[in-house]
Amino acid sequence: MLQRIEEDQKLVKQVLNGNTKAYAKLFTRYKDAIYFLILKMVINKSDTEDLTYETFDKALRNIEQYNFKFAFSTWLFRIAENTGIDFLRKRKNNHITIETSNDDDMEFVIGEDSIQSSVLNPEEVMIREQQIILMQSLLEQLKPKYKKLIELRYFKDYSYEEIAAELNIPIGTVKTLLHRAKSALGKLIAQ
């Protein structure tokens, strides 16, 4: 983990000196993790792809603000989270996106003056239930330790510290295993 942080910081220094290949290496290293982080927030695949690239664009434009006291990945994930949150705020009550089975997204724009209900209609309830069933079946295909990590982090909303305490492992190990679990889950979703 420490070696990865040091490698990232060397690459950031190269980027600050104008080396675009170094930035490409950082992009390749973190694009999947950023993609799945944002996908968890916005659910829509095409929006997630756009927001992933937007995250890296923001990081590149603001790379001089990176603080070398912290891991580059922490800084990058914070940018991704903020990008996703900003996107959701802008879209709130204005758009509904429906993902179809052939990966073509259909988007419907609802007027600003539309009345929005906080209660899901029966169709939305059924869709949510189907998504939960699908996610549970995918989780069952993961290794037990990965399944447990995903459940604690995303279903029970545990912090890294709480997961580390629950499983009696170091926080760095939690982060590493969680990254691997998300990658494994992403591969299952892609299939």
Protein backbone atom coordinates (compact mmCIF):
# COMPACT_ATOMS: atom_id res chain seq x y z
CA MET A 1 0.00 0.00 0.00
CA LEU A 2 2.76 2.42 0.95
CA GLN A 3 4.61 1.52 -2.25
CA ARG A 4 1.50 2.37 -4.31
CA ILE A 5 1.18 5.74 -2.54
CA GLU A 6 4.82 6.53 -3.28
CA GLU A 7 4.45 5.46 -6.92
CA ASP A 8 1.34 7.65 -7.27
CA GLN A 9 3.15 10.62 -5.79
CA LYS A 10 6.07 10.18 -8.18
CA LEU A 11 3.60 10.10 -11.06
CA VAL A 12 1.88 13.25 -9.76
CA LYS A 13 5.23 15.04 -9.64
CA GLN A 14 5.83 13.99 -13.25
CA VAL A 15 2.37 15.28 -14.21
CA LEU A 16 3.18 18.60 -12.54
CA ASN A 17 6.25 18.73 -14.80
CA GLY A 18 4.07 18.21 -17.88
CA ASN A 19 4.41 14.46 -18.37
CA THR A 20 1.09 13.31 -19.88
CA LYS A 21 2.16 9.65 -19.90
CA ALA A 22 2.36 9.75 -16.11
CA TYR A 23 -1.21 11.01 -15.96
CA ALA A 24 -2.28 8.24 -18.33
CA LYS A 25 -0.79 5.73 -15.90
CA LEU A 26 -2.79 7.24 -13.02
CA PHE A 27 -5.92 7.17 -15.16
CA THR A 28 -5.40 3.51 -16.05
CA ARG A 29 -4.71 2.63 -12.42
CA TYR A 30 -7.85 4.29 -11.00
CA LYS A 31 -10.44 4.49 -13.79
CA ASP A 32 -12.26 1.28 -12.81
CA ALA A 33 -12.40 2.16 -9.12
CA ILE A 34 -13.71 5.65 -9.92
CA TYR A 35 -16.22 4.22 -12.38
CA PHE A 36 -17.70 1.83 -9.80
CA LEU A 37 -17.70 4.48 -7.08
CA ILE A 38 -19.73 6.81 -9.30
CA LEU A 39 -21.91 3.98 -10.65
CA LYS A 40 -22.93 3.24 -7.07
CA MET A 41 -24.12 6.84 -6.78
CA VAL A 42 -25.84 7.53 -10.12
CA ILE A 43 -26.68 3.96 -11.29
CA ASN A 44 -26.82 4.99 -14.98
CA LYS A 45 -23.90 3.56 -17.00
CA SER A 46 -23.56 6.31 -19.61
CA ASP A 47 -23.71 9.07 -16.98
CA THR A 48 -21.14 7.13 -14.94
CA GLU A 49 -18.75 7.00 -17.89
CA ASP A 50 -19.12 10.76 -18.45
CA LEU A 51 -18.63 11.51 -14.76
CA THR A 52 -15.58 9.24 -14.59
CA TYR A 53 -13.89 11.25 -17.33
CA GLU A 54 -15.08 14.49 -15.72
CA THR A 55 -13.47 13.40 -12.45
CA PHE A 56 -10.12 12.83 -14.13
CA ASP A 57 -10.45 16.10 -16.03
CA LYS A 58 -11.07 17.99 -12.76
CA ALA A 59 -8.14 16.20 -11.12
CA LEU A 60 -5.82 17.13 -13.98
CA ARG A 61 -6.96 20.77 -14.00
CA ASN A 62 -6.45 21.01 -10.22
CA ILE A 63 -3.44 18.72 -9.79
CA GLU A 64 -1.41 21.52 -8.25
CA GLN A 65 -3.86 21.54 -5.31
CA TYR A 66 -3.03 17.94 -4.42
CA ASN A 67 -1.48 17.70 -0.93
CA PHE A 68 1.40 15.20 -0.84
CA LYS A 69 0.69 14.48 2.84
CA PHE A 70 -2.20 12.29 1.71
CA ALA A 71 -2.63 9.44 -0.74
CA PHE A 72 -3.43 10.53 -4.29
CA SER A 73 -6.25 7.97 -4.40
CA THR A 74 -7.96 9.60 -1.40
CA TRP A 75 -7.86 12.98 -3.14
CA LEU A 76 -9.09 11.49 -6.41
CA PHE A 77 -11.95 9.59 -4.74
CA ARG A 78 -13.06 12.79 -3.00
CA ILE A 79 -13.20 14.54 -6.39
CA ALA A 80 -15.24 11.62 -7.77
CA GLU A 81 -17.68 11.72 -4.87
CA ASN A 82 -18.14 15.48 -5.22
CA THR A 83 -18.60 15.13 -8.98
CA GLY A 84 -21.31 12.51 -8.42
CA ILE A 85 -23.02 14.58 -5.73
CA ASP A 86 -23.00 17.70 -7.96
CA PHE A 87 -24.48 15.69 -10.80
CA LEU A 88 -27.26 14.31 -8.61
CA ARG A 89 -28.09 17.76 -7.27
CA LYS A 90 -28.42 19.15 -10.78
CA ARG A 91 -30.62 16.29 -11.93
CA LYS A 92 -32.78 16.07 -8.84
CA ASN A 93 -36.44 16.28 -9.81
CA ASN A 94 -35.59 17.05 -13.44
CA HIS A 95 -34.69 13.73 -15.03
CA ILE A 96 -35.66 10.13 -14.92
CA THR A 97 -33.30 7.69 -16.60
CA ILE A 98 -34.34 4.17 -17.41
CA GLU A 99 -31.68 1.64 -18.35
CA THR A 100 -32.81 -0.85 -20.93
CA SER A 101 -31.49 -4.36 -21.37
CA ASN A 102 -29.45 -3.43 -24.46
CA ASP A 103 -27.48 -0.67 -22.68
CA ASP A 104 -29.37 2.13 -24.45
CA ASP A 105 -30.47 4.61 -21.84
CA MET A 106 -33.80 6.35 -22.26
CA GLU A 107 -34.03 9.69 -20.53
CA PHE A 108 -37.17 11.62 -19.75
CA VAL A 109 -37.07 15.25 -18.66
CA ILE A 110 -39.68 16.37 -16.20
CA GLY A 111 -40.51 20.05 -15.94
CA GLU A 112 -39.23 22.06 -12.99
CA ASP A 113 -42.81 22.65 -11.86
CA SER A 114 -43.75 18.97 -11.78
CA ILE A 115 -45.03 17.61 -8.53
CA GLN A 116 -42.69 14.97 -7.20
CA SER A 117 -43.71 12.31 -4.75
CA SER A 118 -41.27 10.88 -2.23
CA VAL A 119 -43.25 7.63 -2.30
CA LEU A 120 -42.32 5.09 -4.97
CA ASN A 121 -45.09 3.98 -7.28
CA PRO A 122 -45.73 0.20 -7.62
CA GLU A 123 -43.62 -0.05 -10.78
CA GLU A 124 -40.66 1.68 -9.08
CA VAL A 125 -41.04 -0.61 -6.07
CA MET A 126 -40.96 -3.66 -8.35
CA ILE A 127 -37.90 -2.37 -10.22
CA ARG A 128 -36.08 -1.72 -6.92
CA GLU A 129 -36.95 -5.18 -5.67
CA GLN A 130 -35.66 -6.74 -8.91
CA GLN A 131 -32.43 -4.73 -8.63
CA ILE A 132 -31.97 -5.92 -5.04
CA ILE A 133 -32.56 -9.54 -6.07
CA LEU A 134 -30.06 -9.20 -8.93
CA MET A 135 -27.45 -7.60 -6.66
CA GLN A 136 -27.94 -10.30 -4.03
CA SER A 137 -27.46 -13.02 -6.65
CA LEU A 138 -24.27 -11.33 -7.83
CA LEU A 139 -23.01 -11.02 -4.26
CA GLU A 140 -23.57 -14.74 -3.74
CA GLN A 141 -21.06 -15.38 -6.53
CA LEU A 142 -18.31 -13.46 -4.73
CA LYS A 143 -15.82 -14.97 -2.30
CA PRO A 144 -17.29 -14.86 1.23
CA LYS A 145 -14.76 -12.26 2.45
CA TYR A 146 -15.57 -9.97 -0.51
CA LYS A 147 -19.30 -10.43 0.01
CA LYS A 148 -18.96 -9.50 3.68
CA LEU A 149 -16.97 -6.36 2.84
CA ILE A 150 -19.51 -5.18 0.25
CA GLU A 151 -22.39 -5.82 2.65
CA LEU A 152 -20.74 -3.93 5.50
CA ARG A 153 -19.65 -0.97 3.39
CA TYR A 154 -22.59 -0.47 1.05
CA PHE A 155 -25.59 -2.12 2.68
CA LYS A 156 -24.84 -1.38 6.32
CA ASP A 157 -22.96 1.86 5.54
CA TYR A 158 -19.99 1.03 7.79
CA SER A 159 -16.93 3.28 7.69
CA TYR A 160 -13.51 1.77 6.94
CA GLU A 161 -12.72 2.01 10.65
CA GLU A 162 -15.91 0.17 11.62
CA ILE A 163 -15.20 -2.57 9.07
CA ALA A 164 -11.64 -2.92 10.36
CA ALA A 165 -12.96 -3.28 13.92
CA GLU A 166 -15.70 -5.72 12.88
CA LEU A 167 -13.33 -7.99 10.94
CA ASN A 168 -10.30 -7.37 13.17
CA ILE A 169 -8.03 -6.36 10.27
CA PRO A 170 -6.03 -3.18 9.52
CA ILE A 171 -7.75 -0.30 7.67
CA GLY A 172 -5.27 -0.60 4.80
CA THR A 173 -6.26 -4.22 4.34
CA VAL A 174 -9.94 -3.22 4.40
CA LYS A 175 -9.35 -0.72 1.60
CA THR A 176 -7.34 -3.18 -0.48
CA LEU A 177 -9.83 -6.02 -0.07
CA LEU A 178 -12.76 -3.70 -0.72
CA HIS A 179 -11.12 -2.52 -3.94
CA ARG A 180 -10.68 -6.14 -5.01
CA ALA A 181 -14.27 -6.93 -4.03
CA LYS A 182 -15.59 -4.03 -6.11
CA SER A 183 -13.47 -5.12 -9.06
CA ALA A 184 -14.80 -8.68 -8.79
CA LEU A 185 -18.36 -7.40 -8.50
CA GLY A 186 -17.81 -5.11 -11.48
CA LYS A 187 -16.68 -8.05 -13.58
CA LEU A 188 -19.81 -9.97 -12.61
CA ILE A 189 -21.99 -6.98 -13.50
CA ALA A 190 -20.25 -6.64 -16.86
CA GLN A 191 -21.02 -10.29 -17.65
